[in-house]
Every structure is written in structure tokens, then in C-alpha cells.
Amino acid sequence: AVVSTQSTGEFLTMLALSDTDTYNVHWTPWFHLTEACQVKYDYIGYMEDMESAFSLIKGNLFNNTQLSLPPAYNAHARNEEVKGAYRTVPSSILNLVYARYQDDFVIGGYSRQIECIS
């Protein structure tokens, strides 16, 4: 296996400037994969708040079972690491990535401001 050690900036530059349509479905904007406006979803969870989403779904669908999530990592420390990495990326590249995934940002309720990562 080939291991790449790209920086966050290099990765986002590749994402912003290349034709991601030729990549696998992972790089397709979420908006195009989910039919967000055509399907009525019962639950939409966010990785950033997995515990709350899991508790809601478990309580409504699997109340009498012993389901649990694996132990969580230190989300606050991880978010500070992510903020630091994004601060090194030129705003022109961040703007291109945002433009490509703008519908995902809007539908997901995400801000394009790095300071909003909590």
C-alpha cells in the first residue's frame, strides 16, 4: 500500500483544483448522494455530536437493548488540532472547497468559518 503524508493544505488544494468527478463516490457532494430535498429523513446525525444522535435514535428505536458507542476520543483537543491545520490553508483554497461543497455546508448547518469548530 502507498502511504501519503499530505498536509491539510496540500489535500484541500488537490480537492479544490482536481476533477473529483473522476474519483470514487466518497468525494461526491453529500447533497447529490442523499436526495436531501426529495426524501423525508427521520434522523440526521452529525459526527461532531455522535453521542447525542446515538442517544436519540437508540431511545426511539432500540430502547430495550444494550447498545453503546465505543469510548469517545477527546473531541475538544481534536478540534483545536483541526482548527490549527485549517488556519494554515490559503483562503483562496478554502473558498474553492466551500464553493464545491456549498450545498453540503448549507444543508448540514455548517459554517465556513474555522472558528465555529467547537
N, C-alpha and C. Protein backbone atom coordinates (compact mmCIF):
# COMPACT_ATOMS: atom_id res chain seq x y z
N ALA A 1 0.84 -1.18 0.00
CA ALA A 1 0.00 0.00 0.00
C ALA A 1 0.88 1.24 0.00
N VAL A 2 0.43 2.24 -0.71
CA VAL A 2 1.14 3.51 -0.76
C VAL A 2 0.58 4.42 0.32
N VAL A 3 1.44 4.99 1.13
CA VAL A 3 1.02 5.88 2.19
C VAL A 3 1.40 7.30 1.81
N SER A 4 0.44 8.20 1.88
CA SER A 4 0.69 9.59 1.55
C SER A 4 0.73 10.41 2.83
N THR A 5 1.62 11.36 2.89
CA THR A 5 1.71 12.24 4.05
C THR A 5 1.46 13.67 3.61
N GLN A 6 0.31 13.90 3.01
CA GLN A 6 -0.04 15.25 2.59
C GLN A 6 -0.41 16.10 3.79
N SER A 7 -0.10 17.37 3.70
CA SER A 7 -0.57 18.30 4.71
C SER A 7 -2.04 18.61 4.42
N THR A 8 -2.70 19.22 5.39
CA THR A 8 -4.10 19.62 5.19
C THR A 8 -4.21 20.54 3.98
N GLY A 9 -3.29 21.49 3.86
CA GLY A 9 -3.30 22.42 2.74
C GLY A 9 -3.12 21.72 1.39
N GLU A 10 -2.20 20.77 1.34
CA GLU A 10 -1.98 20.02 0.10
C GLU A 10 -3.22 19.20 -0.27
N PHE A 11 -3.82 18.58 0.73
CA PHE A 11 -5.02 17.78 0.49
C PHE A 11 -6.17 18.66 -0.02
N LEU A 12 -6.41 19.79 0.64
CA LEU A 12 -7.50 20.67 0.22
C LEU A 12 -7.23 21.30 -1.14
N THR A 13 -5.97 21.57 -1.44
CA THR A 13 -5.62 22.08 -2.77
C THR A 13 -5.95 21.04 -3.84
N MET A 14 -5.58 19.78 -3.58
CA MET A 14 -5.91 18.71 -4.51
C MET A 14 -7.43 18.60 -4.68
N LEU A 15 -8.16 18.68 -3.58
CA LEU A 15 -9.61 18.57 -3.62
C LEU A 15 -10.23 19.74 -4.38
N ALA A 16 -9.70 20.94 -4.18
CA ALA A 16 -10.25 22.14 -4.80
C ALA A 16 -9.95 22.23 -6.28
N LEU A 17 -8.76 21.77 -6.69
CA LEU A 17 -8.31 22.01 -8.07
C LEU A 17 -8.43 20.81 -9.00
N SER A 18 -8.76 19.65 -8.48
CA SER A 18 -8.85 18.48 -9.36
C SER A 18 -10.31 18.16 -9.69
N ASP A 19 -10.47 17.31 -10.66
CA ASP A 19 -11.81 16.88 -11.09
C ASP A 19 -12.24 15.71 -10.23
N THR A 20 -12.92 16.00 -9.13
CA THR A 20 -13.31 14.93 -8.21
C THR A 20 -14.39 14.03 -8.80
N ASP A 21 -14.99 14.42 -9.91
CA ASP A 21 -15.97 13.55 -10.56
C ASP A 21 -15.33 12.25 -11.04
N THR A 22 -14.02 12.25 -11.24
CA THR A 22 -13.33 11.04 -11.69
C THR A 22 -12.90 10.17 -10.51
N TYR A 23 -13.10 10.65 -9.28
CA TYR A 23 -12.75 9.88 -8.09
C TYR A 23 -13.93 8.99 -7.71
N ASN A 24 -13.79 8.24 -6.62
CA ASN A 24 -14.92 7.41 -6.20
C ASN A 24 -16.00 8.24 -5.53
N VAL A 25 -17.10 7.63 -5.19
CA VAL A 25 -18.29 8.31 -4.69
C VAL A 25 -18.04 9.05 -3.37
N HIS A 26 -17.00 8.69 -2.64
CA HIS A 26 -16.69 9.34 -1.37
C HIS A 26 -16.53 10.86 -1.55
N TRP A 27 -16.07 11.30 -2.69
CA TRP A 27 -15.79 12.72 -2.92
C TRP A 27 -16.97 13.45 -3.54
N THR A 28 -18.05 12.75 -3.84
CA THR A 28 -19.26 13.38 -4.37
C THR A 28 -19.92 14.19 -3.27
N PRO A 29 -20.33 15.42 -3.56
CA PRO A 29 -21.01 16.19 -2.52
C PRO A 29 -22.20 15.42 -1.95
N TRP A 30 -22.32 15.48 -0.63
CA TRP A 30 -23.38 14.78 0.09
C TRP A 30 -24.75 15.12 -0.47
N PHE A 31 -24.94 16.38 -0.82
CA PHE A 31 -26.21 16.85 -1.37
C PHE A 31 -26.65 16.01 -2.56
N HIS A 32 -25.71 15.60 -3.40
CA HIS A 32 -26.04 14.83 -4.60
C HIS A 32 -26.31 13.36 -4.28
N LEU A 33 -25.81 12.87 -3.18
CA LEU A 33 -25.97 11.46 -2.82
C LEU A 33 -27.23 11.17 -2.03
N THR A 34 -27.74 12.15 -1.31
CA THR A 34 -28.80 11.88 -0.34
C THR A 34 -30.19 12.26 -0.80
N GLU A 35 -30.31 12.92 -1.93
CA GLU A 35 -31.61 13.42 -2.38
C GLU A 35 -32.28 14.21 -1.25
N ALA A 36 -31.52 15.11 -0.68
CA ALA A 36 -31.94 15.83 0.53
C ALA A 36 -33.29 16.52 0.39
N CYS A 37 -33.62 16.98 -0.78
CA CYS A 37 -34.89 17.69 -0.95
C CYS A 37 -36.04 16.76 -1.34
N GLN A 38 -35.74 15.53 -1.73
CA GLN A 38 -36.78 14.61 -2.17
C GLN A 38 -37.17 13.59 -1.10
N VAL A 39 -36.32 13.35 -0.14
CA VAL A 39 -36.56 12.31 0.86
C VAL A 39 -36.79 12.97 2.22
N LYS A 40 -37.80 12.48 2.94
CA LYS A 40 -38.05 12.97 4.30
C LYS A 40 -37.28 12.04 5.25
N TYR A 41 -36.18 12.53 5.79
CA TYR A 41 -35.36 11.75 6.70
C TYR A 41 -35.94 11.82 8.11
N ASP A 42 -35.93 10.71 8.81
CA ASP A 42 -36.37 10.68 10.20
C ASP A 42 -35.27 11.18 11.13
N TYR A 43 -34.03 10.87 10.80
CA TYR A 43 -32.90 11.25 11.64
C TYR A 43 -31.74 11.69 10.75
N ILE A 44 -31.10 12.77 11.17
CA ILE A 44 -29.85 13.18 10.55
C ILE A 44 -28.89 13.46 11.70
N GLY A 45 -27.81 12.70 11.75
CA GLY A 45 -26.84 12.88 12.82
C GLY A 45 -25.56 13.48 12.29
N TYR A 46 -24.78 14.04 13.18
CA TYR A 46 -23.51 14.64 12.83
C TYR A 46 -22.39 13.94 13.57
N MET A 47 -21.30 13.68 12.88
CA MET A 47 -20.16 13.03 13.52
C MET A 47 -19.65 13.85 14.70
N GLU A 48 -19.77 15.17 14.61
CA GLU A 48 -19.28 16.04 15.66
C GLU A 48 -20.09 15.90 16.96
N ASP A 49 -21.29 15.36 16.85
CA ASP A 49 -22.16 15.22 18.02
C ASP A 49 -22.78 13.82 18.02
N MET A 50 -21.95 12.83 17.79
CA MET A 50 -22.41 11.46 17.63
C MET A 50 -23.15 10.94 18.86
N GLU A 51 -22.70 11.30 20.06
CA GLU A 51 -23.32 10.79 21.28
C GLU A 51 -24.79 11.20 21.36
N SER A 52 -25.09 12.46 21.04
CA SER A 52 -26.49 12.93 21.10
C SER A 52 -27.35 12.24 20.05
N ALA A 53 -26.84 12.13 18.84
CA ALA A 53 -27.60 11.47 17.79
C ALA A 53 -27.85 10.00 18.13
N PHE A 54 -26.82 9.34 18.64
CA PHE A 54 -26.95 7.93 19.02
C PHE A 54 -27.99 7.76 20.13
N SER A 55 -27.95 8.62 21.14
CA SER A 55 -28.90 8.52 22.25
C SER A 55 -30.33 8.70 21.77
N LEU A 56 -30.55 9.66 20.89
CA LEU A 56 -31.89 9.90 20.36
C LEU A 56 -32.41 8.69 19.58
N ILE A 57 -31.60 8.19 18.68
CA ILE A 57 -32.01 7.05 17.85
C ILE A 57 -32.19 5.81 18.71
N LYS A 58 -31.26 5.57 19.61
CA LYS A 58 -31.36 4.40 20.48
C LYS A 58 -32.64 4.48 21.32
N GLY A 59 -32.91 5.63 21.89
CA GLY A 59 -34.10 5.80 22.72
C GLY A 59 -35.40 5.60 21.95
N ASN A 60 -35.43 6.03 20.70
CA ASN A 60 -36.65 5.92 19.90
C ASN A 60 -36.82 4.58 19.21
N LEU A 61 -35.72 3.91 18.87
CA LEU A 61 -35.82 2.68 18.08
C LEU A 61 -35.39 1.42 18.84
N PHE A 62 -34.44 1.55 19.73
CA PHE A 62 -33.86 0.37 20.37
C PHE A 62 -33.83 0.53 21.89
N ASN A 63 -34.89 1.02 22.47
CA ASN A 63 -34.91 1.38 23.88
C ASN A 63 -34.55 0.24 24.82
N ASN A 64 -34.90 -0.97 24.47
CA ASN A 64 -34.69 -2.10 25.38
C ASN A 64 -33.43 -2.90 25.08
N THR A 65 -32.49 -2.34 24.39
CA THR A 65 -31.26 -3.07 24.07
C THR A 65 -30.07 -2.43 24.75
N GLN A 66 -28.99 -3.16 24.80
CA GLN A 66 -27.76 -2.70 25.45
C GLN A 66 -26.75 -2.19 24.43
N LEU A 67 -27.17 -1.33 23.54
CA LEU A 67 -26.27 -0.76 22.54
C LEU A 67 -25.46 0.36 23.16
N SER A 68 -24.21 0.48 22.73
CA SER A 68 -23.38 1.60 23.19
C SER A 68 -22.34 1.92 22.12
N LEU A 69 -21.87 3.14 22.17
CA LEU A 69 -20.80 3.58 21.29
C LEU A 69 -19.46 3.23 21.92
N PRO A 70 -18.44 3.04 21.09
CA PRO A 70 -17.11 2.84 21.67
C PRO A 70 -16.67 4.09 22.43
N PRO A 71 -15.70 3.98 23.32
CA PRO A 71 -15.24 5.15 24.07
C PRO A 71 -14.86 6.30 23.14
N ALA A 72 -15.26 7.50 23.51
CA ALA A 72 -15.01 8.68 22.67
C ALA A 72 -13.58 9.19 22.88
N TYR A 73 -13.05 9.81 21.83
CA TYR A 73 -11.77 10.47 21.94
C TYR A 73 -12.00 11.88 22.47
N ASN A 74 -10.96 12.57 22.82
CA ASN A 74 -11.07 13.92 23.34
C ASN A 74 -11.42 14.87 22.19
N ALA A 75 -12.70 15.13 22.02
CA ALA A 75 -13.17 15.92 20.88
C ALA A 75 -12.62 17.34 20.92
N HIS A 76 -12.53 17.95 22.09
CA HIS A 76 -12.05 19.33 22.17
C HIS A 76 -10.61 19.44 21.69
N ALA A 77 -9.75 18.54 22.15
CA ALA A 77 -8.34 18.57 21.72
C ALA A 77 -8.24 18.34 20.22
N ARG A 78 -9.03 17.43 19.69
CA ARG A 78 -9.02 17.14 18.25
C ARG A 78 -9.48 18.36 17.46
N ASN A 79 -10.50 19.06 17.94
CA ASN A 79 -10.99 20.24 17.24
C ASN A 79 -9.94 21.35 17.20
N GLU A 80 -9.17 21.51 18.25
CA GLU A 80 -8.10 22.51 18.25
C GLU A 80 -7.04 22.14 17.21
N GLU A 81 -6.76 20.87 17.07
CA GLU A 81 -5.81 20.39 16.06
C GLU A 81 -6.33 20.69 14.65
N VAL A 82 -7.61 20.45 14.44
CA VAL A 82 -8.23 20.72 13.13
C VAL A 82 -8.20 22.21 12.83
N LYS A 83 -8.58 23.03 13.79
CA LYS A 83 -8.54 24.49 13.58
C LYS A 83 -7.14 24.95 13.18
N GLY A 84 -6.13 24.45 13.88
CA GLY A 84 -4.75 24.82 13.58
C GLY A 84 -4.36 24.45 12.17
N ALA A 85 -4.75 23.26 11.73
CA ALA A 85 -4.42 22.81 10.38
C ALA A 85 -5.11 23.68 9.33
N TYR A 86 -6.37 24.02 9.54
CA TYR A 86 -7.10 24.81 8.56
C TYR A 86 -6.60 26.25 8.50
N ARG A 87 -6.11 26.77 9.60
CA ARG A 87 -5.60 28.16 9.61
C ARG A 87 -4.38 28.33 8.71
N THR A 88 -3.71 27.25 8.36
CA THR A 88 -2.53 27.34 7.51
C THR A 88 -2.88 27.29 6.02
N VAL A 89 -4.13 27.03 5.71
CA VAL A 89 -4.56 26.89 4.31
C VAL A 89 -4.94 28.26 3.75
N PRO A 90 -4.45 28.61 2.57
CA PRO A 90 -4.81 29.90 1.97
C PRO A 90 -6.33 30.03 1.81
N SER A 91 -6.84 31.22 2.07
CA SER A 91 -8.29 31.44 1.97
C SER A 91 -8.80 31.17 0.55
N SER A 92 -7.96 31.38 -0.46
CA SER A 92 -8.40 31.11 -1.84
C SER A 92 -8.74 29.63 -2.03
N ILE A 93 -7.97 28.74 -1.40
CA ILE A 93 -8.23 27.30 -1.48
C ILE A 93 -9.48 26.95 -0.67
N LEU A 94 -9.60 27.50 0.54
CA LEU A 94 -10.80 27.25 1.34
C LEU A 94 -12.06 27.72 0.61
N ASN A 95 -11.97 28.84 -0.08
CA ASN A 95 -13.13 29.34 -0.84
C ASN A 95 -13.51 28.40 -1.98
N LEU A 96 -12.51 27.81 -2.64
CA LEU A 96 -12.79 26.85 -3.72
C LEU A 96 -13.43 25.57 -3.17
N VAL A 97 -12.94 25.09 -2.05
CA VAL A 97 -13.54 23.90 -1.43
C VAL A 97 -14.96 24.21 -1.00
N TYR A 98 -15.16 25.37 -0.40
CA TYR A 98 -16.52 25.77 0.02
C TYR A 98 -17.45 25.83 -1.19
N ALA A 99 -16.99 26.43 -2.28
CA ALA A 99 -17.83 26.54 -3.47
C ALA A 99 -18.24 25.16 -3.99
N ARG A 100 -17.31 24.22 -3.97
CA ARG A 100 -17.60 22.87 -4.46
C ARG A 100 -18.62 22.16 -3.57
N TYR A 101 -18.54 22.38 -2.26
CA TYR A 101 -19.39 21.68 -1.30
C TYR A 101 -20.39 22.61 -0.60
N GLN A 102 -20.71 23.73 -1.23
CA GLN A 102 -21.57 24.73 -0.61
C GLN A 102 -22.92 24.17 -0.19
N ASP A 103 -23.56 23.37 -1.04
CA ASP A 103 -24.86 22.80 -0.67
C ASP A 103 -24.74 21.93 0.57
N ASP A 104 -23.65 21.20 0.70
CA ASP A 104 -23.43 20.36 1.88
C ASP A 104 -23.30 21.22 3.14
N PHE A 105 -22.58 22.33 3.03
CA PHE A 105 -22.44 23.24 4.17
C PHE A 105 -23.81 23.77 4.59
N VAL A 106 -24.59 24.20 3.61
CA VAL A 106 -25.90 24.81 3.90
C VAL A 106 -26.85 23.79 4.51
N ILE A 107 -27.00 22.66 3.86
CA ILE A 107 -27.94 21.64 4.35
C ILE A 107 -27.49 21.09 5.70
N GLY A 108 -26.19 20.93 5.90
CA GLY A 108 -25.69 20.40 7.16
C GLY A 108 -25.66 21.40 8.29
N GLY A 109 -25.92 22.68 7.97
CA GLY A 109 -25.89 23.70 9.00
C GLY A 109 -24.49 24.07 9.45
N TYR A 110 -23.51 23.83 8.56
CA TYR A 110 -22.12 24.12 8.89
C TYR A 110 -21.76 25.54 8.48
N SER A 111 -20.88 26.16 9.25
CA SER A 111 -20.36 27.48 8.92
C SER A 111 -19.07 27.31 8.14
N ARG A 112 -18.77 28.27 7.30
CA ARG A 112 -17.50 28.22 6.60
C ARG A 112 -16.38 28.86 7.43
N GLN A 113 -16.71 29.36 8.60
CA GLN A 113 -15.72 29.98 9.48
C GLN A 113 -15.03 28.92 10.34
N ILE A 114 -13.72 28.86 10.32
CA ILE A 114 -12.94 27.88 11.09
C ILE A 114 -13.21 28.03 12.59
N GLU A 115 -13.43 29.24 13.06
CA GLU A 115 -13.64 29.48 14.49
C GLU A 115 -14.90 28.80 15.00
N CYS A 116 -15.79 28.38 14.11
CA CYS A 116 -17.04 27.75 14.54
C CYS A 116 -16.86 26.27 14.89
N ILE A 117 -15.70 25.71 14.63
CA ILE A 117 -15.44 24.33 15.03
C ILE A 117 -15.37 24.32 16.55
N SER A 118 -16.21 23.53 17.18
CA SER A 118 -16.21 23.53 18.65
C SER A 118 -16.01 22.16 19.22
